[in-house]
C-alpha cells in the first residue's frame, strides 16, 4: 500500500511538474526509516485505514530489509528534492524520482522489493553480518499473539 502511494505521488510530481512533492516523498521515506509507519502519512494511511479494511490476511515482513529499502528510497528521494528545490534541476530530479517510482511499482504490483534484494545480496557478500537479519529467518518470534478482529482464523 505504501509503495502504491509512492508511485502515485512520484507520478503526480513528474506529470504535473510539482517539484515540491519531492520533499513530501523524501520526508515519507525518512520518517519510515526512522520510525516505521508511525510518522509517515502514507504509512499511517496504509496500516491504520486501508489494510485493516482489506479482506486479506495481514502479511508480516522482516524489518531490516524493509528499513534498508526505505533508506535507499530516502537517499534517492532526498537527492530528487535537493535537485528540484535546491538547484532548480527539475528534469534531473524527475529522472531520479522515476527510478523511485519504478522500484515502488515493482514492490506494489509484483511484491518484488529491490532494496530487500540488494540487502540479501549484501548479506551473501558478507558486507552485512547475518546476525543483523536473524529476525528475517523467524519473523514469528517477534509477532504478538493476538487475534485479528473480524477475521475467522
C-alpha atoms as a PDB file:
ATOM      1  CA  UNK A   1       0.000   0.000   0.000  1.00  0.00           C
ATOM      2  CA  UNK A   2       2.760   2.446   0.908  1.00  0.00           C
ATOM      3  CA  UNK A   3       4.664   1.648  -2.274  1.00  0.00           C
ATOM      4  CA  UNK A   4       1.491   2.291  -4.274  1.00  0.00           C
ATOM      5  CA  UNK A   5       1.208   5.689  -2.604  1.00  0.00           C
ATOM      6  CA  UNK A   6       4.819   6.434  -3.520  1.00  0.00           C
ATOM      7  CA  UNK A   7       4.025   5.551  -7.142  1.00  0.00           C
ATOM      8  CA  UNK A   8       1.024   7.894  -7.154  1.00  0.00           C
ATOM      9  CA  UNK A   9       2.932  10.789  -5.524  1.00  0.00           C
ATOM     10  CA  UNK A  10       6.005  10.326  -7.727  1.00  0.00           C
ATOM     11  CA  UNK A  11       3.933  10.128 -10.882  1.00  0.00           C
ATOM     12  CA  UNK A  12       1.961  13.216  -9.861  1.00  0.00           C
ATOM     13  CA  UNK A  13       5.169  15.157  -9.178  1.00  0.00           C
ATOM     14  CA  UNK A  14       6.577  14.268 -12.588  1.00  0.00           C
ATOM     15  CA  UNK A  15       3.452  14.505 -14.760  1.00  0.00           C
ATOM     16  CA  UNK A  16       2.066  17.635 -13.094  1.00  0.00           C
ATOM     17  CA  UNK A  17       5.538  19.217 -12.728  1.00  0.00           C
ATOM     18  CA  UNK A  18       5.156  19.720  -8.982  1.00  0.00           C
ATOM     19  CA  UNK A  19       8.715  19.695  -7.604  1.00  0.00           C
ATOM     20  CA  UNK A  20       7.529  20.425  -4.028  1.00  0.00           C
ATOM     21  CA  UNK A  21       6.164  16.867  -3.922  1.00  0.00           C
ATOM     22  CA  UNK A  22       9.759  15.587  -3.965  1.00  0.00           C
ATOM     23  CA  UNK A  23      10.139  16.978  -0.437  1.00  0.00           C
ATOM     24  CA  UNK A  24       6.926  15.258   0.682  1.00  0.00           C
ATOM     25  CA  UNK A  25       8.127  11.947  -0.759  1.00  0.00           C
ATOM     26  CA  UNK A  26      11.586  12.350   0.795  1.00  0.00           C
ATOM     27  CA  UNK A  27      10.019  13.126   4.187  1.00  0.00           C
ATOM     28  CA  UNK A  28       7.875   9.984   3.979  1.00  0.00           C
ATOM     29  CA  UNK A  29      10.877   7.767   3.295  1.00  0.00           C
ATOM     30  CA  UNK A  30      12.937   9.387   6.056  1.00  0.00           C
ATOM     31  CA  UNK A  31      10.057   9.049   8.527  1.00  0.00           C
ATOM     32  CA  UNK A  32       9.670   5.343   7.694  1.00  0.00           C
ATOM     33  CA  UNK A  33      13.410   4.758   8.099  1.00  0.00           C
ATOM     34  CA  UNK A  34      13.489   6.457  11.493  1.00  0.00           C
ATOM     35  CA  UNK A  35      10.177   5.300  12.990  1.00  0.00           C
ATOM     36  CA  UNK A  36       8.441   2.843  10.688  1.00  0.00           C
ATOM     37  CA  UNK A  37       4.919   3.917   9.742  1.00  0.00           C
ATOM     38  CA  UNK A  38       4.357   5.977  12.931  1.00  0.00           C
ATOM     39  CA  UNK A  39       5.496   9.326  11.459  1.00  0.00           C
ATOM     40  CA  UNK A  40       4.722   8.660   7.812  1.00  0.00           C
ATOM     41  CA  UNK A  41       1.400   9.868   6.409  1.00  0.00           C
ATOM     42  CA  UNK A  42       1.463   7.088   3.789  1.00  0.00           C
ATOM     43  CA  UNK A  43       2.494   4.535   6.410  1.00  0.00           C
ATOM     44  CA  UNK A  44      -0.320   5.564   8.730  1.00  0.00           C
ATOM     45  CA  UNK A  45      -2.868   5.565   5.922  1.00  0.00           C
ATOM     46  CA  UNK A  46      -1.787   2.080   4.837  1.00  0.00           C
ATOM     47  CA  UNK A  47      -1.551   0.495   8.305  1.00  0.00           C
ATOM     48  CA  UNK A  48      -4.496   2.178  10.029  1.00  0.00           C
ATOM     49  CA  UNK A  49      -7.019   2.837   7.272  1.00  0.00           C
ATOM     50  CA  UNK A  50      -6.550   0.800   4.094  1.00  0.00           C
ATOM     51  CA  UNK A  51      -5.034  -2.546   5.138  1.00  0.00           C
ATOM     52  CA  UNK A  52      -7.483  -3.241   8.023  1.00  0.00           C
ATOM     53  CA  UNK A  53     -10.364  -2.850   5.570  1.00  0.00           C
ATOM     54  CA  UNK A  54      -8.985  -5.312   3.013  1.00  0.00           C
ATOM     55  CA  UNK A  55     -10.375  -8.848   3.017  1.00  0.00           C
ATOM     56  CA  UNK A  56      -6.899 -10.406   3.048  1.00  0.00           C
ATOM     57  CA  UNK A  57      -4.760 -11.599   5.952  1.00  0.00           C
ATOM     58  CA  UNK A  58      -2.016  -9.354   7.272  1.00  0.00           C
ATOM     59  CA  UNK A  59       1.379 -10.113   5.714  1.00  0.00           C
ATOM     60  CA  UNK A  60       4.267  -9.692   8.152  1.00  0.00           C
ATOM     61  CA  UNK A  61       7.699  -8.986   6.697  1.00  0.00           C
ATOM     62  CA  UNK A  62      11.137  -8.739   8.337  1.00  0.00           C
ATOM     63  CA  UNK A  63      12.092  -5.219   9.374  1.00  0.00           C
ATOM     64  CA  UNK A  64      15.803  -4.910   8.497  1.00  0.00           C
ATOM     65  CA  UNK A  65      15.498  -5.423   4.711  1.00  0.00           C
ATOM     66  CA  UNK A  66      12.487  -3.099   4.535  1.00  0.00           C
ATOM     67  CA  UNK A  67      14.297  -0.423   6.573  1.00  0.00           C
ATOM     68  CA  UNK A  68      17.270  -0.786   4.223  1.00  0.00           C
ATOM     69  CA  UNK A  69      14.967  -0.396   1.207  1.00  0.00           C
ATOM     70  CA  UNK A  70      13.334   2.664   2.793  1.00  0.00           C
ATOM     71  CA  UNK A  71      16.837   4.060   3.362  1.00  0.00           C
ATOM     72  CA  UNK A  72      17.631   3.735  -0.327  1.00  0.00           C
ATOM     73  CA  UNK A  73      14.331   5.456  -1.096  1.00  0.00           C
ATOM     74  CA  UNK A  74      15.190   8.233   1.364  1.00  0.00           C
ATOM     75  CA  UNK A  75      18.559   8.837  -0.303  1.00  0.00           C
ATOM     76  CA  UNK A  76      17.071   8.876  -3.813  1.00  0.00           C
ATOM     77  CA  UNK A  77      14.017  10.960  -2.916  1.00  0.00           C
ATOM     78  CA  UNK A  78      16.220  13.291  -0.868  1.00  0.00           C
ATOM     79  CA  UNK A  79      18.532  13.712  -3.859  1.00  0.00           C
ATOM     80  CA  UNK A  80      15.499  14.455  -6.055  1.00  0.00           C
ATOM     81  CA  UNK A  81      14.291  17.074  -3.557  1.00  0.00           C
ATOM     82  CA  UNK A  82      17.714  18.743  -3.419  1.00  0.00           C
ATOM     83  CA  UNK A  83      17.983  18.723  -7.208  1.00  0.00           C
ATOM     84  CA  UNK A  84      14.484  20.149  -7.672  1.00  0.00           C
ATOM     85  CA  UNK A  85      14.196  22.561  -4.784  1.00  0.00           C
ATOM     86  CA  UNK A  86      17.820  23.412  -4.093  1.00  0.00           C
ATOM     87  CA  UNK A  87      19.174  23.671  -7.621  1.00  0.00           C
ATOM     88  CA  UNK A  88      16.087  24.038  -9.802  1.00  0.00           C
ATOM     89  CA  UNK A  89      17.089  20.948 -11.775  1.00  0.00           C
ATOM     90  CA  UNK A  90      13.589  19.567 -12.241  1.00  0.00           C
ATOM     91  CA  UNK A  91      14.393  17.221 -15.124  1.00  0.00           C
ATOM     92  CA  UNK A  92      17.265  15.579 -13.217  1.00  0.00           C
ATOM     93  CA  UNK A  93      15.066  15.357 -10.108  1.00  0.00           C
ATOM     94  CA  UNK A  94      12.283  13.709 -12.077  1.00  0.00           C
ATOM     95  CA  UNK A  95      14.691  11.166 -13.552  1.00  0.00           C
ATOM     96  CA  UNK A  96      15.763  10.185 -10.026  1.00  0.00           C
ATOM     97  CA  UNK A  97      12.133  10.182  -8.900  1.00  0.00           C
ATOM     98  CA  UNK A  98      11.329   7.960 -11.885  1.00  0.00           C
ATOM     99  CA  UNK A  99      13.769   5.375 -10.516  1.00  0.00           C
ATOM    100  CA  UNK A 100      11.984   5.583  -7.154  1.00  0.00           C
ATOM    101  CA  UNK A 101       8.617   5.159  -8.899  1.00  0.00           C
ATOM    102  CA  UNK A 102       9.909   2.148 -10.844  1.00  0.00           C
ATOM    103  CA  UNK A 103      11.126   0.419  -7.663  1.00  0.00           C
ATOM    104  CA  UNK A 104       7.869   1.272  -5.870  1.00  0.00           C
ATOM    105  CA  UNK A 105       5.868  -0.110  -8.805  1.00  0.00           C
ATOM    106  CA  UNK A 106       7.798  -3.386  -8.624  1.00  0.00           C
ATOM    107  CA  UNK A 107       7.011  -3.565  -4.899  1.00  0.00           C
ATOM    108  CA  UNK A 108       3.338  -2.601  -5.116  1.00  0.00           C
ATOM    109  CA  UNK A 109       2.396  -4.597  -8.223  1.00  0.00           C
ATOM    110  CA  UNK A 110       4.714  -7.622  -8.137  1.00  0.00           C
ATOM    111  CA  UNK A 111       5.748  -7.745  -4.433  1.00  0.00           C
ATOM    112  CA  UNK A 112       9.375  -7.517  -5.580  1.00  0.00           C
ATOM    113  CA  UNK A 113      11.406  -5.334  -3.218  1.00  0.00           C
ATOM    114  CA  UNK A 114      14.538  -4.067  -4.957  1.00  0.00           C
ATOM    115  CA  UNK A 115      16.099  -2.834  -1.708  1.00  0.00           C
ATOM    116  CA  UNK A 116      15.382  -6.161   0.020  1.00  0.00           C
ATOM    117  CA  UNK A 117      17.065  -7.997  -2.845  1.00  0.00           C
ATOM    118  CA  UNK A 118      20.123  -5.744  -2.539  1.00  0.00           C
ATOM    119  CA  UNK A 119      20.095  -6.328   1.236  1.00  0.00           C
ATOM    120  CA  UNK A 120      20.093 -10.117   0.721  1.00  0.00           C
ATOM    121  CA  UNK A 121      22.963  -9.798  -1.755  1.00  0.00           C
ATOM    122  CA  UNK A 122      24.982  -7.738   0.727  1.00  0.00           C
ATOM    123  CA  UNK A 123      24.438 -10.434   3.372  1.00  0.00           C
ATOM    124  CA  UNK A 124      25.648 -13.094   0.917  1.00  0.00           C
ATOM    125  CA  UNK A 125      28.736 -10.980   0.183  1.00  0.00           C
ATOM    126  CA  UNK A 126      29.389 -10.613   3.913  1.00  0.00           C
ATOM    127  CA  UNK A 127      29.021  -6.824   3.829  1.00  0.00           C
ATOM    128  CA  UNK A 128      26.091  -7.050   6.235  1.00  0.00           C
ATOM    129  CA  UNK A 129      26.522  -9.579   9.064  1.00  0.00           C
ATOM    130  CA  UNK A 130      23.970 -12.400   9.044  1.00  0.00           C
ATOM    131  CA  UNK A 131      23.107 -11.599  12.689  1.00  0.00           C
ATOM    132  CA  UNK A 132      21.574  -8.313  11.522  1.00  0.00           C
ATOM    133  CA  UNK A 133      18.812 -10.291   9.966  1.00  0.00           C
ATOM    134  CA  UNK A 134      18.335 -13.173  12.372  1.00  0.00           C
ATOM    135  CA  UNK A 135      14.824 -11.713  12.546  1.00  0.00           C
ATOM    136  CA  UNK A 136      14.464 -12.446   8.812  1.00  0.00           C
ATOM    137  CA  UNK A 137      14.727 -16.173   9.484  1.00  0.00           C
ATOM    138  CA  UNK A 138      11.991 -16.214  12.136  1.00  0.00           C
ATOM    139  CA  UNK A 139       9.622 -13.247  11.962  1.00  0.00           C
ATOM    140  CA  UNK A 140       7.048 -15.118  14.042  1.00  0.00           C
ATOM    141  CA  UNK A 141       9.265 -14.831  17.108  1.00  0.00           C
ATOM    142  CA  UNK A 142       8.532 -11.093  17.195  1.00  0.00           C
ATOM    143  CA  UNK A 143       4.863 -11.183  16.173  1.00  0.00           C
ATOM    144  CA  UNK A 144       2.476 -10.576  19.074  1.00  0.00           C
ATOM    145  CA  UNK A 145      -0.007 -13.359  19.668  1.00  0.00           C
ATOM    146  CA  UNK A 146      -3.278 -11.514  19.277  1.00  0.00           C
ATOM    147  CA  UNK A 147      -6.456 -12.301  17.414  1.00  0.00           C
ATOM    148  CA  UNK A 148      -7.215 -10.266  14.325  1.00  0.00           C
ATOM    149  CA  UNK A 149     -10.704  -8.861  14.782  1.00  0.00           C
ATOM    150  CA  UNK A 150     -13.314  -9.531  12.156  1.00  0.00           C
ATOM    151  CA  UNK A 151     -11.454 -12.414  10.565  1.00  0.00           C
ATOM    152  CA  UNK A 152     -12.003 -16.094  11.128  1.00  0.00           C
ATOM    153  CA  UNK A 153      -8.800 -17.965  11.809  1.00  0.00           C
END
